[in-house]
Amino acid sequence: MLTLPRNAQIWLPAVVRQSVRRSGRRRRSRRGAHVMFAIADHFEPFNGGVSQERADRRVARWREGYAGMTEGLRDADGRMPQHSFFYPIEQYDERHVEALAALAESGGAEIEVHLHHDADNSINLRRTLVAFVELLHHRHGLLTRHADGSIGYGFVHGNWALDNAHPDGRHCGVNDEISVLKQTGCYADFTLPAAPDISQTRTVNSIYYAIDDPDRPKSHDRGIRAAVGRRPPSDGLLLVQGPLSLDWSRRTLGVLPGVEAGAVDDSAGNWPKGSRFRHWLAASVIVAGRPDWIFVKIHTHGAPEQNAEVLLGPAMRQFHTSILQQVRDQDMHLHYVTAREIANIVRAAEDGATGNPGEYRDYWLPPPSRSWKRSSSR
């Protein structure tokens, strides 16, 4: 297989096809559209192998600084910006999780599950996931519950290698990971896009269901698109992708376009800017048949100091001000949502819901209840 820069041979054909289809249609007015905006934070306090003291300071920076950054910012429903912290299993620290849980109680965040692993197997993965989601739920009062009472969680895979997607078998090792996630209560995966990493799928800018093939890796390379009136497959895991496109305003060597993959951090091309929001909207991540509900899920690694400075500082506040103004100018409606709320709104769309999607934030999966806090440790 021909290998292109940034592994574009995997994802570029789909991006180009989507761009051609959009340009071939009469440009659809977004007037009246609803935009669900979410941040999936691969939140790793010990990122870079730092000391306990430094990791503690990183968590404290978020605990103390988030309210100030979001002060006065409100969406169409009167809600403050939302932040989904995907906390890594292998970096668990009780005090860190409690600090984030306290932040979540303020109404601006929820905590979900993140995992880095390598050379793993199905049995160990299942054991690891079950133990961690029970810990988060019973000790810290976090995570949702499914209708049958089982604990539910959103997931982000470390190093992008969901379902053993890296061709060298690194950073995972489990070909039936999609099934293990589904069977242990995962309601949706939020890992993608992975570009320019080689673990990126051929499916781009989509909300879809992956059906596991335990005999091969990367079963989520393609799947069944979420659509109005289409029942979710019982054996399918919901995948919610973020935007992936070409950005001709950011050129490499003055010729090649930049890759817009929805990452926000301190690097020059990834600063939060209103101009990037327009690219994210143009990616048109939707449930098929509901084009007026647009999902914009971006991602970050918010714990390291340089990224926290951007995400908790004036740049991020200015970004929020900009996108709120953009949607007002275009007569659209912005809704700040968590990962769990995305899954709920997707399910509502599939069931034919219309109108204000903000009314369906808890449609399928209820919010966590901190009343369960430490119930298992007393």
Protein backbone atom coordinates (compact mmCIF):
# COMPACT_ATOMS: atom_id res chain seq x y z
CA MET A 1 0.00 0.00 0.00
CA LEU A 2 1.24 3.46 -0.91
CA THR A 3 2.16 5.44 2.19
CA LEU A 4 1.51 9.16 2.00
CA PRO A 5 2.61 11.89 4.43
CA ARG A 6 0.57 11.90 7.65
CA ASN A 7 -0.88 8.50 6.66
CA ALA A 8 -3.27 10.32 4.34
CA GLN A 9 -3.80 7.18 2.23
CA ILE A 10 -6.13 5.97 5.00
CA TRP A 11 -8.38 8.97 5.54
CA LEU A 12 -7.89 11.38 2.63
CA PRO A 13 -10.11 9.55 0.10
CA ALA A 14 -13.12 9.78 2.44
CA VAL A 15 -12.41 13.43 3.26
CA VAL A 16 -12.20 14.28 -0.45
CA ARG A 17 -15.42 12.37 -1.24
CA GLN A 18 -17.28 14.23 1.47
CA SER A 19 -15.94 17.57 0.26
CA VAL A 20 -17.02 16.82 -3.32
CA ARG A 21 -20.51 15.79 -2.21
CA ARG A 22 -20.91 18.97 -0.17
CA SER A 23 -19.69 21.22 -3.00
CA GLY A 24 -21.95 19.41 -5.49
CA ARG A 25 -25.08 20.24 -3.54
CA ARG A 26 -26.63 23.62 -3.14
CA ARG A 27 -25.10 24.99 0.03
CA ARG A 28 -27.52 24.18 2.81
CA SER A 29 -28.38 27.07 5.08
CA ARG A 30 -27.51 26.43 8.71
CA ARG A 31 -30.10 28.94 9.84
CA GLY A 32 -31.89 27.51 12.88
CA ALA A 33 -29.41 24.63 13.28
CA HIS A 34 -28.36 23.34 16.69
CA VAL A 35 -24.69 22.74 17.41
CA MET A 36 -23.61 20.33 20.15
CA PHE A 37 -20.12 21.33 21.30
CA ALA A 38 -18.05 18.98 23.47
CA ILE A 39 -14.46 18.70 24.64
CA ALA A 40 -13.03 15.22 25.20
CA ASP A 41 -9.99 15.67 27.42
CA HIS A 42 -7.48 12.80 27.56
CA PHE A 43 -6.67 14.03 31.05
CA GLU A 44 -3.36 12.53 32.22
CA PRO A 45 -1.98 14.13 35.41
CA PHE A 46 1.23 12.06 35.23
CA ASN A 47 1.78 12.76 31.51
CA GLY A 48 5.51 12.83 30.80
CA GLY A 49 6.35 10.74 33.88
CA VAL A 50 6.19 13.72 36.24
CA SER A 51 6.38 13.52 40.02
CA GLN A 52 3.43 13.14 42.34
CA GLU A 53 3.82 16.75 43.46
CA ARG A 54 3.72 18.07 39.91
CA ALA A 55 0.73 15.88 39.01
CA ASP A 56 -1.06 17.23 42.10
CA ARG A 57 -0.42 20.79 40.95
CA ARG A 58 -1.80 20.01 37.51
CA VAL A 59 -5.08 18.75 38.94
CA ALA A 60 -5.28 21.68 41.37
CA ARG A 61 -4.83 24.09 38.45
CA TRP A 62 -8.01 22.74 36.88
CA ARG A 63 -9.91 22.53 40.15
CA GLU A 64 -9.14 26.16 40.89
CA GLY A 65 -9.15 27.69 37.41
CA TYR A 66 -12.06 26.24 35.50
CA ALA A 67 -14.81 28.33 37.06
CA GLY A 68 -13.00 31.56 36.28
CA MET A 69 -12.54 30.68 32.63
CA THR A 70 -16.22 29.81 32.17
CA GLU A 71 -17.69 32.64 34.25
CA GLY A 72 -20.55 34.34 32.44
CA LEU A 73 -20.37 32.06 29.38
CA ARG A 74 -23.74 30.45 28.66
CA ASP A 75 -25.19 28.48 25.76
CA ALA A 76 -28.69 28.54 24.28
CA ASP A 77 -29.99 26.63 27.29
CA GLY A 78 -28.25 28.84 29.84
CA ARG A 79 -25.58 26.23 30.60
CA MET A 80 -21.90 26.88 31.15
CA PRO A 81 -19.22 25.20 28.98
CA GLN A 82 -18.88 21.49 29.63
CA HIS A 83 -15.69 19.44 29.90
CA SER A 84 -15.47 15.65 29.71
CA PHE A 85 -12.43 14.37 31.59
CA PHE A 86 -11.42 10.92 30.33
CA TYR A 87 -9.29 9.77 33.25
CA PRO A 88 -6.61 7.08 32.61
CA ILE A 89 -7.04 3.83 34.50
CA GLU A 90 -3.30 3.26 34.83
CA GLN A 91 -2.79 6.69 36.46
CA TYR A 92 -5.53 6.38 39.08
CA ASP A 93 -5.05 8.59 42.12
CA GLU A 94 -7.96 8.84 44.56
CA ARG A 95 -7.32 12.49 45.42
CA HIS A 96 -7.10 13.49 41.77
CA VAL A 97 -10.41 11.85 40.91
CA GLU A 98 -12.07 13.41 43.96
CA ALA A 99 -10.84 16.83 42.89
CA LEU A 100 -12.28 16.37 39.40
CA ALA A 101 -15.50 14.98 40.85
CA ALA A 102 -15.85 18.08 42.98
CA LEU A 103 -15.36 20.17 39.86
CA ALA A 104 -18.06 18.12 38.14
CA GLU A 105 -20.45 18.88 40.99
CA SER A 106 -20.28 22.54 39.99
CA GLY A 107 -22.13 21.57 36.82
CA GLY A 108 -19.35 22.05 34.29
CA ALA A 109 -17.90 18.59 33.80
CA GLU A 110 -18.27 14.82 33.87
CA ILE A 111 -15.61 12.11 34.24
CA GLU A 112 -15.29 9.10 31.94
CA VAL A 113 -12.73 6.35 31.21
CA HIS A 114 -9.37 6.45 29.40
CA LEU A 115 -6.87 3.60 29.04
CA HIS A 116 -3.33 3.11 27.77
CA HIS A 117 -2.31 -0.53 27.48
CA ASP A 118 -0.05 -2.77 25.42
CA ALA A 119 0.30 -6.49 24.72
CA ASP A 120 -3.01 -6.99 26.55
CA ASN A 121 -5.61 -9.75 26.28
CA SER A 122 -9.39 -9.91 26.48
CA ILE A 123 -9.57 -11.44 29.95
CA ASN A 124 -7.26 -8.90 31.53
CA LEU A 125 -8.90 -5.99 29.69
CA ARG A 126 -12.33 -7.01 30.91
CA ARG A 127 -11.06 -7.33 34.47
CA THR A 128 -9.34 -3.93 34.26
CA LEU A 129 -12.38 -2.11 32.91
CA VAL A 130 -14.89 -3.64 35.31
CA ALA A 131 -12.72 -2.93 38.34
CA PHE A 132 -12.18 0.70 37.35
CA VAL A 133 -15.76 1.58 36.47
CA GLU A 134 -16.93 0.04 39.74
CA LEU A 135 -14.30 2.05 41.59
CA LEU A 136 -15.34 5.31 39.94
CA HIS A 137 -18.99 4.61 40.56
CA HIS A 138 -19.01 3.26 44.09
CA ARG A 139 -16.15 5.20 45.64
CA HIS A 140 -16.56 8.49 43.82
CA GLY A 141 -20.21 8.57 42.74
CA LEU A 142 -19.31 8.92 39.07
CA LEU A 143 -20.56 7.44 35.77
CA THR A 144 -24.08 6.73 34.58
CA ARG A 145 -26.27 3.65 34.76
CA HIS A 146 -28.00 1.74 31.98
CA ALA A 147 -31.69 0.90 32.22
CA ASP A 148 -30.83 -2.57 33.53
CA GLY A 149 -28.87 -1.04 36.42
CA SER A 150 -25.40 -1.78 35.07
CA ILE A 151 -22.77 0.96 35.14
CA GLY A 152 -22.24 2.84 31.89
CA TYR A 153 -19.19 4.75 30.74
CA GLY A 154 -17.72 6.64 27.79
CA PHE A 155 -14.30 5.62 26.56
CA VAL A 156 -11.19 7.05 24.90
CA HIS A 157 -8.36 4.70 23.91
CA GLY A 158 -4.80 5.73 24.64
CA ASN A 159 -2.42 6.15 21.69
CA TRP A 160 -5.46 5.98 19.35
CA ALA A 161 -5.10 2.19 18.94
CA LEU A 162 -8.71 1.19 19.58
CA ASP A 163 -9.41 -2.47 18.81
CA ASN A 164 -5.73 -3.17 18.16
CA ALA A 165 -5.80 -0.64 15.29
CA HIS A 166 -2.06 -0.02 15.11
CA PRO A 167 -0.70 -2.28 12.33
CA ASP A 168 2.27 -3.30 14.51
CA GLY A 169 -0.08 -4.44 17.29
CA ARG A 170 1.27 -1.80 19.66
CA HIS A 171 -0.67 0.04 22.35
CA CYS A 172 -3.45 -2.55 22.61
CA GLY A 173 -3.24 -6.25 21.68
CA VAL A 174 -6.96 -7.03 21.91
CA ASN A 175 -8.71 -7.81 18.61
CA ASP A 176 -12.13 -8.12 20.28
CA GLU A 177 -11.84 -4.86 22.23
CA ILE A 178 -15.06 -3.50 20.70
CA SER A 179 -16.95 -6.46 22.19
CA VAL A 180 -15.24 -6.16 25.56
CA LEU A 181 -16.11 -2.48 25.78
CA LYS A 182 -19.73 -3.11 24.83
CA GLN A 183 -20.09 -6.00 27.29
CA THR A 184 -18.60 -4.05 30.20
CA GLY A 185 -21.04 -1.14 29.87
CA CYS A 186 -19.37 1.26 27.43
CA TYR A 187 -22.10 3.37 25.87
CA ALA A 188 -19.86 5.04 23.26
CA ASP A 189 -16.26 5.52 22.20
CA PHE A 190 -14.88 9.03 21.59
CA THR A 191 -11.32 8.23 20.49
CA LEU A 192 -11.43 9.37 16.87
CA PRO A 193 -10.16 11.09 14.82
CA ALA A 194 -6.65 9.71 15.21
CA ALA A 195 -5.06 11.37 12.14
CA PRO A 196 -2.24 11.71 11.42
CA ASP A 197 -1.66 8.52 13.43
CA ILE A 198 -1.79 5.30 11.42
CA SER A 199 -4.59 4.02 13.66
CA GLN A 200 -7.00 6.42 11.94
CA THR A 201 -10.02 4.76 10.31
CA ARG A 202 -11.24 5.02 6.74
CA THR A 203 -14.53 6.25 8.16
CA VAL A 204 -14.35 9.97 8.90
CA ASN A 205 -16.65 12.69 10.24
CA SER A 206 -19.27 10.16 11.27
CA ILE A 207 -21.44 8.89 14.09
CA TYR A 208 -21.74 5.14 13.57
CA TYR A 209 -21.81 1.68 15.12
CA ALA A 210 -18.86 -0.68 14.95
CA ILE A 211 -19.60 -4.42 14.78
CA ASP A 212 -16.74 -6.45 16.19
CA ASP A 213 -14.93 -9.12 14.24
CA PRO A 214 -12.85 -10.82 16.96
CA ASP A 215 -10.63 -12.48 14.37
CA ARG A 216 -9.22 -9.23 13.03
CA PRO A 217 -8.15 -5.86 14.40
CA LYS A 218 -9.66 -2.43 13.69
CA SER A 219 -13.25 -3.63 13.36
CA HIS A 220 -14.35 0.01 13.58
CA ASP A 221 -12.66 0.90 10.30
CA ARG A 222 -16.17 0.94 8.88
CA GLY A 223 -19.58 0.55 10.45
CA ILE A 224 -23.32 1.23 10.37
CA ARG A 225 -24.16 4.91 10.35
CA ALA A 226 -26.47 6.27 13.05
CA ALA A 227 -29.67 7.41 11.32
CA VAL A 228 -33.13 8.70 12.13
CA GLY A 229 -35.53 5.78 12.33
CA ARG A 230 -32.77 3.15 12.37
CA ARG A 231 -32.56 1.02 15.49
CA PRO A 232 -29.01 0.73 16.88
CA PRO A 233 -27.61 -2.76 16.25
CA SER A 234 -27.69 -4.77 19.48
CA ASP A 235 -24.07 -5.85 19.03
CA GLY A 236 -22.79 -2.47 17.84
CA LEU A 237 -20.71 0.02 19.81
CA LEU A 238 -21.49 3.67 19.16
CA LEU A 239 -18.52 5.70 17.90
CA VAL A 240 -18.68 9.49 17.89
CA GLN A 241 -15.98 11.02 15.74
CA GLY A 242 -14.67 14.55 15.83
CA PRO A 243 -13.95 16.66 12.73
CA LEU A 244 -11.26 15.75 10.22
CA SER A 245 -10.57 17.89 7.16
CA LEU A 246 -7.96 19.74 5.14
CA ASP A 247 -7.12 23.30 6.11
CA TRP A 248 -5.73 25.24 3.15
CA SER A 249 -5.08 28.27 5.35
CA ARG A 250 -2.36 26.30 7.15
CA ARG A 251 0.05 25.03 4.51
CA THR A 252 3.13 22.87 4.92
CA LEU A 253 6.08 24.08 2.86
CA GLY A 254 3.72 26.64 1.40
CA VAL A 255 2.02 23.97 -0.72
CA LEU A 256 0.43 21.07 1.19
CA PRO A 257 -2.69 21.84 3.23
CA GLY A 258 -2.71 21.40 6.97
CA VAL A 259 -4.72 18.66 8.68
CA GLU A 260 -7.57 19.83 10.88
CA ALA A 261 -8.29 17.04 13.38
CA GLY A 262 -9.98 18.95 16.17
CA ALA A 263 -7.06 18.96 18.61
CA VAL A 264 -6.75 21.92 20.97
CA ASP A 265 -3.46 22.53 22.76
CA ASP A 266 -0.54 24.94 22.98
CA SER A 267 0.98 24.13 19.57
CA ALA A 268 0.78 26.90 16.99
CA GLY A 269 -1.80 25.28 14.72
CA ASN A 270 -3.97 23.95 17.52
CA TRP A 271 -4.83 27.08 19.46
CA PRO A 272 -8.58 27.55 20.01
CA LYS A 273 -9.72 30.05 17.38
CA GLY A 274 -13.07 30.98 15.95
CA SER A 275 -11.79 30.30 12.43
CA ARG A 276 -11.26 26.65 13.33
CA PHE A 277 -14.83 26.38 14.56
CA ARG A 278 -15.98 27.06 10.98
CA HIS A 279 -13.96 24.05 9.79
CA TRP A 280 -15.48 21.89 12.51
CA LEU A 281 -18.99 22.87 11.49
CA ALA A 282 -18.21 22.18 7.85
CA ALA A 283 -17.24 18.59 8.71
CA SER A 284 -21.00 18.03 9.25
CA VAL A 285 -20.84 15.28 11.86
CA ILE A 286 -24.52 14.41 12.17
CA VAL A 287 -27.02 11.60 12.64
CA ALA A 288 -28.19 10.81 9.11
CA GLY A 289 -31.58 12.39 8.52
CA ARG A 290 -31.11 15.11 11.13
CA PRO A 291 -28.81 17.64 9.38
CA ASP A 292 -29.90 20.48 11.64
CA TRP A 293 -28.28 18.82 14.69
CA ILE A 294 -24.52 19.16 14.24
CA PHE A 295 -22.03 17.53 16.61
CA VAL A 296 -18.64 19.15 17.19
CA LYS A 297 -16.46 17.02 19.47
CA ILE A 298 -12.91 18.24 19.83
CA HIS A 299 -10.12 16.74 21.93
CA THR A 300 -7.19 17.78 24.06
CA HIS A 301 -4.63 16.63 26.61
CA GLY A 302 -5.47 19.18 29.24
CA ALA A 303 -3.28 18.19 32.18
CA PRO A 304 0.21 19.34 31.05
CA GLU A 305 0.93 22.90 32.11
CA GLN A 306 1.36 24.39 28.66
CA ASN A 307 -2.00 23.03 27.49
CA ALA A 308 -3.78 23.99 30.71
CA GLU A 309 -2.52 27.54 30.23
CA VAL A 310 -4.32 27.66 26.89
CA LEU A 311 -7.48 25.85 27.99
CA LEU A 312 -7.93 27.79 31.22
CA GLY A 313 -6.65 31.13 30.01
CA PRO A 314 -7.74 34.13 27.93
CA ALA A 315 -7.34 32.27 24.62
CA MET A 316 -10.05 29.74 25.49
CA ARG A 317 -12.35 32.34 26.91
CA GLN A 318 -11.97 34.41 23.75
CA PHE A 319 -12.69 31.29 21.70
CA HIS A 320 -15.97 30.69 23.53
CA THR A 321 -16.95 34.31 23.06
CA SER A 322 -16.19 33.99 19.35
CA ILE A 323 -18.21 30.83 18.74
CA LEU A 324 -21.18 32.13 20.71
CA GLN A 325 -21.14 35.21 18.50
CA GLN A 326 -20.80 33.12 15.35
CA VAL A 327 -23.87 31.02 16.09
CA ARG A 328 -25.89 34.11 16.99
CA ASP A 329 -24.87 35.82 13.75
CA GLN A 330 -26.00 32.77 11.75
CA ASP A 331 -29.21 32.32 13.75
CA MET A 332 -28.00 28.99 15.12
CA HIS A 333 -28.09 27.60 18.65
CA LEU A 334 -25.06 26.38 20.59
CA HIS A 335 -25.37 23.66 23.24
CA TYR A 336 -22.46 22.81 25.53
CA VAL A 337 -22.60 19.05 26.14
CA THR A 338 -20.68 16.25 27.82
CA ALA A 339 -19.81 12.93 26.19
CA ARG A 340 -22.76 11.25 27.89
CA GLU A 341 -25.10 13.97 26.69
CA ILE A 342 -23.88 13.49 23.10
CA ALA A 343 -24.83 9.81 23.31
CA ASN A 344 -28.27 10.74 24.65
CA ILE A 345 -28.92 13.28 21.92
CA VAL A 346 -27.77 10.82 19.26
CA ARG A 347 -30.23 8.25 20.58
CA ALA A 348 -33.02 10.84 20.63
CA ALA A 349 -32.27 11.75 17.02
CA GLU A 350 -32.41 8.08 16.03
CA ASP A 351 -35.83 7.89 17.67
CA GLY A 352 -37.05 10.81 15.57
CA ALA A 353 -36.80 13.65 18.09
CA THR A 354 -36.90 17.18 16.69
CA GLY A 355 -36.70 20.70 18.04
CA ASN A 356 -34.28 21.66 20.79
CA PRO A 357 -31.75 18.83 21.36
CA GLY A 358 -30.89 20.35 24.73
CA GLU A 359 -34.08 18.78 26.01
CA TYR A 360 -32.61 15.30 25.42
CA ARG A 361 -29.39 15.52 27.41
CA ASP A 362 -30.63 12.75 29.74
CA TYR A 363 -32.83 10.94 27.23
CA TRP A 364 -31.26 7.49 27.54
CA LEU A 365 -28.54 7.59 30.20
CA PRO A 366 -29.10 9.53 33.44
CA PRO A 367 -26.50 11.87 34.92
CA PRO A 368 -24.13 10.58 37.60
CA SER A 369 -25.30 10.96 41.18
CA ARG A 370 -22.71 11.92 43.76
CA SER A 371 -25.10 10.64 46.44
CA TRP A 372 -23.40 7.27 45.90
CA LYS A 373 -20.03 8.75 46.88
CA ARG A 374 -17.78 6.38 48.83
CA SER A 375 -20.71 4.03 49.45
CA SER A 376 -18.45 1.02 49.11
CA SER A 377 -15.71 2.34 51.37
CA ARG A 378 -17.83 3.09 54.45
